[in-house]
Amino acid sequence: MRLYKGKIPLIVDELLTALIKDGDIEVDNQDEARLDLEAVLTEFVRRERQVMDDAKGRMEREGMSYSMLGKMRSRVAREMGFPPQDEMLPYIIDQLLTMLFHSQNIGEVFAEDAALRKKMAPVIRRHTEVESELDREVRSKIKNLSEGTANFEIEYARVMEKMKRKKGLS
């Protein structure tokens, strides 16, 4: 699961539309509420990038192989109090719920936490699972290279960046 900065406005619009339409929340100022939600997701992206940068920096200093990135990322995330990959969706939803309950721009929250989670999860999941689709597409384009080699990693990063730009995700 990966949250892209370019997807944040779309996610926020869908979340607000769904929650307002169903009467789950009452919004005093929709533009400001949108900015509040975007701020939560933008901060998540910033922290995620910081975790990755710290992990890459440590690996470089310690002379570790790129194949250890996942383990190093997990270790850095744990140290920074950031969720592991498999707990990102609940973490994001918790952050959004906290914002809903504390925002000056949300007049009232009528729905229970569980109901809000149930409505928010599919929207966020739909927009964050783009990564696995991109991964499959990139791997199909570089299938002639052996995975785990330096050439594979370089070409994978190059093709991935090209695909992200093409789809407006970078």
Protein backbone atom coordinates (compact mmCIF):
# COMPACT_ATOMS: atom_id res chain seq x y z
CA MET A 1 0.00 0.00 0.00
CA ARG A 2 1.36 3.40 -0.98
CA LEU A 3 -0.20 6.82 -0.72
CA TYR A 4 0.79 9.24 -3.47
CA LYS A 5 0.64 12.99 -2.97
CA GLY A 6 -1.09 13.39 -6.33
CA LYS A 7 -3.99 11.19 -5.17
CA ILE A 8 -4.67 13.10 -1.93
CA PRO A 9 -7.20 15.64 -3.33
CA LEU A 10 -9.14 12.85 -5.04
CA ILE A 11 -9.22 10.72 -1.88
CA VAL A 12 -10.33 13.68 0.24
CA ASP A 13 -13.09 14.63 -2.20
CA GLU A 14 -14.43 11.07 -2.25
CA LEU A 15 -14.28 10.77 1.54
CA LEU A 16 -16.08 14.06 2.14
CA THR A 17 -18.70 13.35 -0.51
CA ALA A 18 -19.46 9.91 0.91
CA LEU A 19 -19.57 11.02 4.56
CA ILE A 20 -21.66 14.15 3.93
CA LYS A 21 -24.06 12.46 1.50
CA ASP A 22 -24.84 9.66 3.94
CA GLY A 23 -25.28 12.09 6.83
CA ASP A 24 -22.34 10.70 8.78
CA ILE A 25 -20.86 14.15 9.33
CA GLU A 26 -22.04 17.73 9.20
CA VAL A 27 -19.50 20.18 7.81
CA ASP A 28 -19.40 23.86 8.77
CA ASN A 29 -16.87 24.86 6.12
CA GLN A 30 -16.29 22.28 3.40
CA ASP A 31 -13.19 23.94 1.92
CA GLU A 32 -11.50 24.13 5.31
CA ALA A 33 -12.55 20.56 6.18
CA ARG A 34 -11.00 19.44 2.88
CA LEU A 35 -7.76 21.20 3.83
CA ASP A 36 -7.80 19.50 7.25
CA LEU A 37 -8.12 16.05 5.68
CA GLU A 38 -5.47 16.85 3.08
CA ALA A 39 -3.11 17.98 5.85
CA VAL A 40 -3.44 14.62 7.60
CA LEU A 41 -2.68 12.69 4.42
CA THR A 42 0.13 15.04 3.38
CA GLU A 43 1.78 14.62 6.78
CA PHE A 44 1.53 10.85 6.39
CA VAL A 45 3.28 11.05 3.00
CA ARG A 46 5.97 13.30 4.48
CA ARG A 47 6.65 10.94 7.37
CA GLU A 48 6.67 7.92 5.07
CA ARG A 49 9.26 9.61 2.87
CA GLN A 50 11.32 10.50 5.94
CA VAL A 51 11.30 6.86 7.08
CA MET A 52 12.46 5.70 3.64
CA ASP A 53 15.17 8.35 3.42
CA ASP A 54 16.46 7.46 6.89
CA ALA A 55 16.43 3.75 6.02
CA LYS A 56 18.34 4.34 2.77
CA GLY A 57 20.83 6.58 4.56
CA ARG A 58 21.52 3.96 7.23
CA MET A 59 21.93 1.25 4.62
CA GLU A 60 24.41 3.37 2.70
CA ARG A 61 26.42 4.17 5.84
CA GLU A 62 26.48 0.52 6.88
CA GLY A 63 27.23 -0.75 3.36
CA MET A 64 24.13 -2.94 3.25
CA SER A 65 22.61 -4.49 0.14
CA TYR A 66 19.51 -2.89 -1.38
CA SER A 67 17.68 -6.16 -0.74
CA MET A 68 17.67 -5.29 2.99
CA LEU A 69 15.61 -2.10 2.45
CA GLY A 70 12.37 -3.65 3.73
CA LYS A 71 13.93 -4.77 7.00
CA MET A 72 15.71 -1.46 7.51
CA ARG A 73 12.54 0.46 6.72
CA SER A 74 10.65 -1.58 9.30
CA ARG A 75 13.31 -0.93 11.92
CA VAL A 76 13.39 2.83 11.26
CA ALA A 77 9.58 3.01 11.21
CA ARG A 78 9.37 1.22 14.56
CA GLU A 79 11.92 3.62 16.07
CA MET A 80 9.98 6.64 14.76
CA GLY A 81 6.60 5.33 15.91
CA PHE A 82 5.40 4.91 12.33
CA PRO A 83 3.29 1.89 11.36
CA PRO A 84 4.65 -1.13 9.50
CA GLN A 85 3.46 -1.63 5.91
CA ASP A 86 0.62 -3.98 6.86
CA GLU A 87 -0.83 -1.53 9.42
CA MET A 88 -0.83 1.62 7.29
CA LEU A 89 -4.52 1.62 6.38
CA PRO A 90 -5.77 1.43 10.00
CA TYR A 91 -3.19 4.05 10.98
CA ILE A 92 -4.33 6.48 8.27
CA ILE A 93 -7.98 5.95 9.18
CA ASP A 94 -7.20 6.54 12.88
CA GLN A 95 -5.48 9.79 11.97
CA LEU A 96 -8.42 10.92 9.81
CA LEU A 97 -10.95 10.02 12.53
CA THR A 98 -8.98 11.97 15.12
CA MET A 99 -9.02 14.96 12.78
CA LEU A 100 -12.78 14.63 12.20
CA PHE A 101 -13.48 14.67 15.93
CA HIS A 102 -11.15 17.60 16.65
CA SER A 103 -11.56 19.84 13.60
CA GLN A 104 -13.23 23.21 14.05
CA ASN A 105 -14.61 22.80 10.52
CA ILE A 106 -16.60 19.64 11.23
CA GLY A 107 -19.87 20.64 12.86
CA GLU A 108 -20.94 17.21 14.05
CA VAL A 109 -20.02 13.56 13.63
CA PHE A 110 -23.14 11.42 13.74
CA ALA A 111 -21.81 7.98 12.80
CA GLU A 112 -19.97 5.54 15.05
CA ASP A 113 -16.24 4.98 14.55
CA ALA A 114 -16.83 1.53 13.10
CA ALA A 115 -19.27 2.87 10.50
CA LEU A 116 -16.85 5.63 9.51
CA ARG A 117 -13.99 3.15 9.21
CA LYS A 118 -16.13 0.90 7.03
CA LYS A 119 -16.83 3.77 4.63
CA MET A 120 -13.31 5.22 4.61
CA ALA A 121 -11.32 2.01 4.12
CA PRO A 122 -12.51 1.13 0.59
CA VAL A 123 -11.92 4.67 -0.67
CA ILE A 124 -8.38 4.80 0.69
CA ARG A 125 -7.61 1.22 -0.36
CA ARG A 126 -8.77 1.87 -3.92
CA HIS A 127 -6.38 4.79 -4.29
CA THR A 128 -3.39 3.28 -2.48
CA GLU A 129 -3.27 -0.07 -4.24
CA VAL A 130 -2.07 1.65 -7.39
CA GLU A 131 1.45 0.62 -6.33
CA SER A 132 0.86 -3.10 -6.91
CA GLU A 133 -0.59 -2.40 -10.34
CA LEU A 134 2.39 -0.22 -11.20
CA ASP A 135 4.80 -2.85 -9.89
CA ARG A 136 3.27 -5.52 -12.15
CA GLU A 137 3.39 -3.19 -15.13
CA VAL A 138 7.02 -2.17 -14.51
CA ARG A 139 8.15 -5.77 -13.98
CA SER A 140 6.52 -6.78 -17.26
CA LYS A 141 8.55 -4.11 -19.05
CA ILE A 142 11.90 -5.20 -17.53
CA LYS A 143 11.40 -8.97 -17.38
CA ASN A 144 14.63 -9.50 -19.32
CA LEU A 145 16.70 -8.45 -16.25
CA SER A 146 17.44 -10.67 -13.25
CA GLU A 147 15.77 -9.47 -10.06
CA GLY A 148 18.14 -8.51 -7.26
CA THR A 149 20.89 -7.25 -9.55
CA ALA A 150 22.07 -3.65 -9.62
CA ASN A 151 20.91 -3.32 -13.24
CA PHE A 152 17.43 -4.53 -12.28
CA GLU A 153 17.17 -2.03 -9.41
CA ILE A 154 18.34 0.88 -11.56
CA GLU A 155 16.06 0.03 -14.47
CA TYR A 156 13.14 -0.69 -12.11
CA ALA A 157 13.50 2.75 -10.49
CA ARG A 158 13.81 4.47 -13.88
CA VAL A 159 10.77 2.75 -15.41
CA MET A 160 8.73 3.20 -12.20
CA GLU A 161 9.43 6.95 -12.16
CA LYS A 162 8.49 7.19 -15.84
CA MET A 163 5.19 5.34 -15.21
CA LYS A 164 4.39 7.52 -12.18
CA ARG A 165 4.93 10.69 -14.19
CA LYS A 166 2.81 9.30 -17.01
CA LYS A 167 -0.05 8.54 -14.58
CA GLY A 168 0.36 11.80 -12.63
CA LEU A 169 1.44 10.15 -9.38
CA SER A 170 4.85 11.70 -8.77
